[in-house]
Amino acid sequence: MSGSDNNINYNSSVDNQTLTPEDIQRLIKSPFDKKIDITKKIAAYYKQGGFDDKQMQNAASIFRTLVKDTEVEIRKTLAEAIKDQPDIPKDVVLSLANDVQEVSLPVLQFSDVLTDADLIEIVNNSEDAEKQIGISKRKRVSESVTEALVNTENDAVVGTLLQNEGASVSEDALEKIVSDFAESEDVMSAMVQRESLPVAIVESLATKISDTIYKSLSEKHKDAFVHMG
């Protein structure tokens, strides 16, 4: 790309799958709509492995520039574009994960770059229930992350977690939920609908839930009732 900033061919470098440090400066000066378009294209080529090693480094530099953009929509576009890419630099993903809600949710729910330790820290340090709910919806939620989510003592967070069969919920965590959320019909209903529950949890639930939920419990977990005698 050549010429003055006012005569930039914004699409040439990414269309040709080349990327230089100069492109970073041009992107910074791009109009809003062009910046959105280029952000999507760079992320797409990055995902496809369309850049060589040097260009991948330049793309990472662009991502680091975009996470600091003052326009929320730009950061949101980046988050959506890279949410399911496993090789995005960790600092980029963490910056997006700790951003405002609409920017953070895509990576909180989908990014495998985030470790259990990262997720637990975000759960513990965030007072934003929507972020915690986003983490509760992940394809897989480990027992350690589940424990942190249960400790939020938020009905919506715990209810969403229980609806996710990809969430590993230990028996201790289930016992805590029964104890802490016995008065929440939504949480108890979500627990009853889990595909599998330990017999001890089913027995505990049976003494605490309403008649309506009890009927669902006895139908969903009838094998446990047989063991209960």
Protein backbone atom coordinates (compact mmCIF):
# COMPACT_ATOMS: atom_id res chain seq x y z
CA MET A 1 0.00 0.00 0.00
CA SER A 2 1.37 3.39 -0.88
CA GLY A 3 0.38 7.00 -1.13
CA SER A 4 -1.01 9.29 1.51
CA ASP A 5 -3.20 8.08 4.35
CA ASN A 6 -6.16 9.57 2.52
CA ASN A 7 -5.56 7.33 -0.50
CA ILE A 8 -4.87 4.00 1.18
CA ASN A 9 -6.15 0.86 -0.50
CA TYR A 10 -7.31 -0.61 2.80
CA ASN A 11 -7.92 -4.10 1.44
CA SER A 12 -4.77 -4.75 -0.58
CA SER A 13 -2.46 -6.14 2.10
CA VAL A 14 -4.91 -8.51 3.74
CA ASP A 15 -6.34 -9.64 0.40
CA ASN A 16 -2.83 -10.60 -0.68
CA GLN A 17 -2.16 -12.19 2.72
CA THR A 18 0.79 -9.94 3.45
CA LEU A 19 1.16 -7.91 6.59
CA THR A 20 3.81 -5.38 7.56
CA PRO A 21 4.42 -3.09 10.55
CA GLU A 22 3.29 -0.21 8.37
CA ASP A 23 -0.12 -1.84 8.13
CA ILE A 24 -0.48 -1.43 11.90
CA GLN A 25 -0.10 2.33 11.60
CA ARG A 26 -2.49 2.45 8.66
CA LEU A 27 -5.05 0.44 10.60
CA ILE A 28 -4.85 2.84 13.55
CA LYS A 29 -5.68 5.72 11.21
CA SER A 30 -8.42 3.87 9.34
CA PRO A 31 -12.04 5.06 9.42
CA PHE A 32 -14.31 3.06 11.73
CA ASP A 33 -16.03 0.95 9.05
CA LYS A 34 -12.73 0.06 7.37
CA LYS A 35 -11.19 -0.88 10.70
CA ILE A 36 -14.07 -3.28 11.39
CA ASP A 37 -13.64 -4.91 7.97
CA ILE A 38 -9.86 -5.24 8.24
CA THR A 39 -10.09 -6.62 11.78
CA LYS A 40 -12.32 -9.46 10.53
CA LYS A 41 -10.06 -10.20 7.57
CA ILE A 42 -6.84 -10.27 9.58
CA ALA A 43 -8.40 -12.58 12.18
CA ALA A 44 -9.70 -14.88 9.42
CA TYR A 45 -6.30 -15.15 7.74
CA TYR A 46 -4.65 -15.70 11.11
CA LYS A 47 -7.02 -18.58 11.80
CA GLN A 48 -6.39 -20.12 8.38
CA GLY A 49 -2.62 -19.93 8.83
CA GLY A 50 -2.45 -17.62 5.82
CA PHE A 51 0.47 -15.58 7.17
CA ASP A 52 4.11 -16.59 7.51
CA ASP A 53 5.82 -16.42 10.92
CA LYS A 54 6.74 -12.74 10.60
CA GLN A 55 3.28 -11.79 9.43
CA MET A 56 1.75 -13.76 12.30
CA GLN A 57 3.84 -11.64 14.65
CA ASN A 58 2.62 -8.50 12.90
CA ALA A 59 -0.98 -9.75 13.18
CA ALA A 60 -0.45 -10.29 16.91
CA SER A 61 0.83 -6.71 17.16
CA ILE A 62 -2.33 -5.53 15.42
CA PHE A 63 -4.47 -7.49 17.87
CA ARG A 64 -2.60 -5.81 20.74
CA THR A 65 -3.35 -2.45 19.16
CA LEU A 66 -7.02 -3.26 18.68
CA VAL A 67 -7.61 -4.30 22.31
CA LYS A 68 -6.70 -0.72 23.24
CA ASP A 69 -9.02 0.86 20.69
CA THR A 70 -11.39 3.37 22.26
CA GLU A 71 -14.32 2.07 20.20
CA VAL A 72 -16.10 -0.76 22.01
CA GLU A 73 -17.43 -2.08 18.71
CA ILE A 74 -13.89 -2.58 17.41
CA ARG A 75 -12.89 -4.58 20.49
CA LYS A 76 -16.14 -6.54 20.31
CA THR A 77 -15.49 -7.35 16.64
CA LEU A 78 -12.03 -8.63 17.53
CA ALA A 79 -13.39 -10.75 20.40
CA GLU A 80 -15.98 -12.35 18.12
CA ALA A 81 -13.38 -12.96 15.42
CA ILE A 82 -10.82 -14.72 17.64
CA LYS A 83 -13.04 -16.34 20.30
CA ASP A 84 -12.51 -19.91 19.02
CA GLN A 85 -8.90 -19.60 17.87
CA PRO A 86 -6.50 -21.61 20.08
CA ASP A 87 -3.26 -19.83 19.17
CA ILE A 88 -4.15 -16.19 19.86
CA PRO A 89 -1.59 -14.60 22.22
CA LYS A 90 -2.65 -15.06 25.84
CA ASP A 91 -2.30 -11.36 26.71
CA VAL A 92 -4.73 -10.43 23.92
CA VAL A 93 -7.37 -12.90 25.12
CA LEU A 94 -6.96 -11.87 28.76
CA SER A 95 -7.36 -8.21 27.84
CA LEU A 96 -10.61 -8.99 26.04
CA ALA A 97 -11.80 -11.27 28.85
CA ASN A 98 -11.39 -8.47 31.37
CA ASP A 99 -13.02 -5.85 29.15
CA VAL A 100 -16.61 -4.61 29.35
CA GLN A 101 -19.35 -7.21 29.19
CA GLU A 102 -20.15 -7.08 25.47
CA VAL A 103 -16.46 -7.46 24.58
CA SER A 104 -15.61 -10.14 27.12
CA LEU A 105 -18.50 -12.58 26.73
CA PRO A 106 -17.40 -14.24 23.45
CA VAL A 107 -13.96 -15.18 24.78
CA LEU A 108 -15.23 -16.08 28.25
CA GLN A 109 -17.64 -18.57 26.75
CA PHE A 110 -15.56 -19.96 23.89
CA SER A 111 -11.81 -19.32 24.17
CA ASP A 112 -9.66 -22.33 25.01
CA VAL A 113 -6.71 -19.99 25.54
CA LEU A 114 -8.08 -19.21 28.99
CA THR A 115 -6.93 -21.67 31.65
CA ASP A 116 -8.90 -22.79 34.70
CA ALA A 117 -6.77 -20.43 36.79
CA ASP A 118 -7.65 -17.52 34.48
CA LEU A 119 -11.35 -18.33 34.66
CA ILE A 120 -11.36 -18.73 38.44
CA GLU A 121 -9.61 -15.38 38.85
CA ILE A 122 -12.19 -13.69 36.62
CA VAL A 123 -15.08 -15.34 38.51
CA ASN A 124 -13.64 -14.31 41.86
CA ASN A 125 -12.75 -10.76 40.88
CA SER A 126 -15.78 -9.88 38.78
CA GLU A 127 -19.06 -8.68 40.20
CA ASP A 128 -20.62 -8.99 36.74
CA ALA A 129 -23.01 -11.96 36.85
CA GLU A 130 -23.25 -12.00 33.04
CA LYS A 131 -19.53 -12.73 32.80
CA GLN A 132 -19.92 -15.55 35.32
CA ILE A 133 -22.89 -16.87 33.36
CA GLY A 134 -20.79 -16.77 30.19
CA ILE A 135 -18.18 -18.96 31.88
CA SER A 136 -20.96 -21.27 33.11
CA LYS A 137 -21.96 -21.89 29.48
CA ARG A 138 -18.53 -23.07 28.30
CA LYS A 139 -18.41 -26.37 26.45
CA ARG A 140 -16.42 -27.83 29.32
CA VAL A 141 -16.27 -26.48 32.87
CA SER A 142 -13.86 -28.17 35.28
CA GLU A 143 -14.71 -28.99 38.88
CA SER A 144 -12.41 -26.23 40.14
CA VAL A 145 -14.09 -23.59 37.97
CA THR A 146 -17.50 -24.98 38.93
CA GLU A 147 -16.62 -24.58 42.61
CA ALA A 148 -15.80 -20.91 42.05
CA LEU A 149 -19.07 -20.39 40.20
CA VAL A 150 -21.08 -22.09 42.95
CA ASN A 151 -19.38 -19.85 45.50
CA THR A 152 -20.81 -16.76 43.77
CA GLU A 153 -24.10 -17.75 45.45
CA ASN A 154 -25.93 -16.29 42.44
CA ASP A 155 -29.09 -18.14 41.40
CA ALA A 156 -28.74 -17.31 37.70
CA VAL A 157 -25.09 -18.34 37.58
CA VAL A 158 -25.61 -21.64 39.39
CA GLY A 159 -28.81 -22.42 37.49
CA THR A 160 -27.04 -21.89 34.16
CA LEU A 161 -24.13 -24.04 35.32
CA LEU A 162 -26.42 -26.93 36.26
CA GLN A 163 -28.11 -26.77 32.85
CA ASN A 164 -24.72 -27.32 31.22
CA GLU A 165 -23.99 -31.04 30.97
CA GLY A 166 -20.43 -30.15 29.99
CA ALA A 167 -19.89 -28.80 33.50
CA SER A 168 -18.26 -31.20 35.94
CA VAL A 169 -19.97 -30.73 39.29
CA SER A 170 -18.51 -32.63 42.21
CA GLU A 171 -20.72 -34.24 44.84
CA ASP A 172 -19.45 -31.71 47.38
CA ALA A 173 -20.50 -28.87 45.08
CA LEU A 174 -23.90 -30.46 44.57
CA GLU A 175 -24.35 -30.77 48.31
CA LYS A 176 -23.49 -27.11 48.74
CA ILE A 177 -26.01 -26.15 46.07
CA VAL A 178 -28.75 -28.19 47.75
CA SER A 179 -27.92 -26.53 51.05
CA ASP A 180 -27.58 -22.97 49.77
CA PHE A 181 -30.27 -22.90 47.08
CA ALA A 182 -33.01 -25.12 48.51
CA GLU A 183 -35.44 -22.19 48.35
CA SER A 184 -34.71 -21.46 44.69
CA GLU A 185 -37.16 -23.29 42.46
CA ASP A 186 -35.13 -22.46 39.35
CA VAL A 187 -31.88 -23.85 40.73
CA MET A 188 -33.51 -26.95 42.18
CA SER A 189 -35.32 -27.59 38.89
CA ALA A 190 -32.07 -27.25 36.98
CA MET A 191 -30.38 -29.73 39.30
CA VAL A 192 -33.20 -32.24 38.98
CA GLN A 193 -32.86 -32.14 35.20
CA ARG A 194 -29.17 -33.11 35.28
CA GLU A 195 -28.62 -36.37 33.40
CA SER A 196 -26.93 -37.99 36.38
CA LEU A 197 -26.98 -37.33 40.11
CA PRO A 198 -25.43 -39.30 42.99
CA VAL A 199 -27.97 -41.25 45.05
CA ALA A 200 -27.07 -39.23 48.16
CA ILE A 201 -27.90 -35.99 46.33
CA VAL A 202 -31.21 -37.35 45.06
CA GLU A 203 -32.06 -38.41 48.63
CA SER A 204 -31.16 -34.97 49.95
CA LEU A 205 -33.17 -33.24 47.24
CA ALA A 206 -36.21 -35.38 47.97
CA THR A 207 -36.48 -33.88 51.45
CA LYS A 208 -36.14 -30.27 50.39
CA ILE A 209 -37.96 -29.63 47.11
CA SER A 210 -41.57 -28.82 46.31
CA ASP A 211 -44.08 -31.49 45.28
CA THR A 212 -43.91 -30.41 41.64
CA ILE A 213 -40.13 -30.72 41.45
CA TYR A 214 -40.29 -33.96 43.48
CA LYS A 215 -42.41 -35.51 40.73
CA SER A 216 -39.81 -34.56 38.14
CA LEU A 217 -37.05 -35.90 40.38
CA SER A 218 -38.73 -39.27 40.82
CA GLU A 219 -39.27 -39.59 37.06
CA LYS A 220 -35.83 -38.38 35.96
CA HIS A 221 -33.84 -40.31 38.55
CA LYS A 222 -36.03 -43.34 39.21
CA ASP A 223 -32.98 -45.64 39.37
CA ALA A 224 -31.69 -43.65 42.33
CA PHE A 225 -35.05 -44.07 44.04
CA VAL A 226 -34.70 -47.84 43.67
CA HIS A 227 -31.38 -47.70 45.50
CA MET A 228 -32.91 -45.50 48.17
CA GLY A 229 -35.38 -48.25 48.93
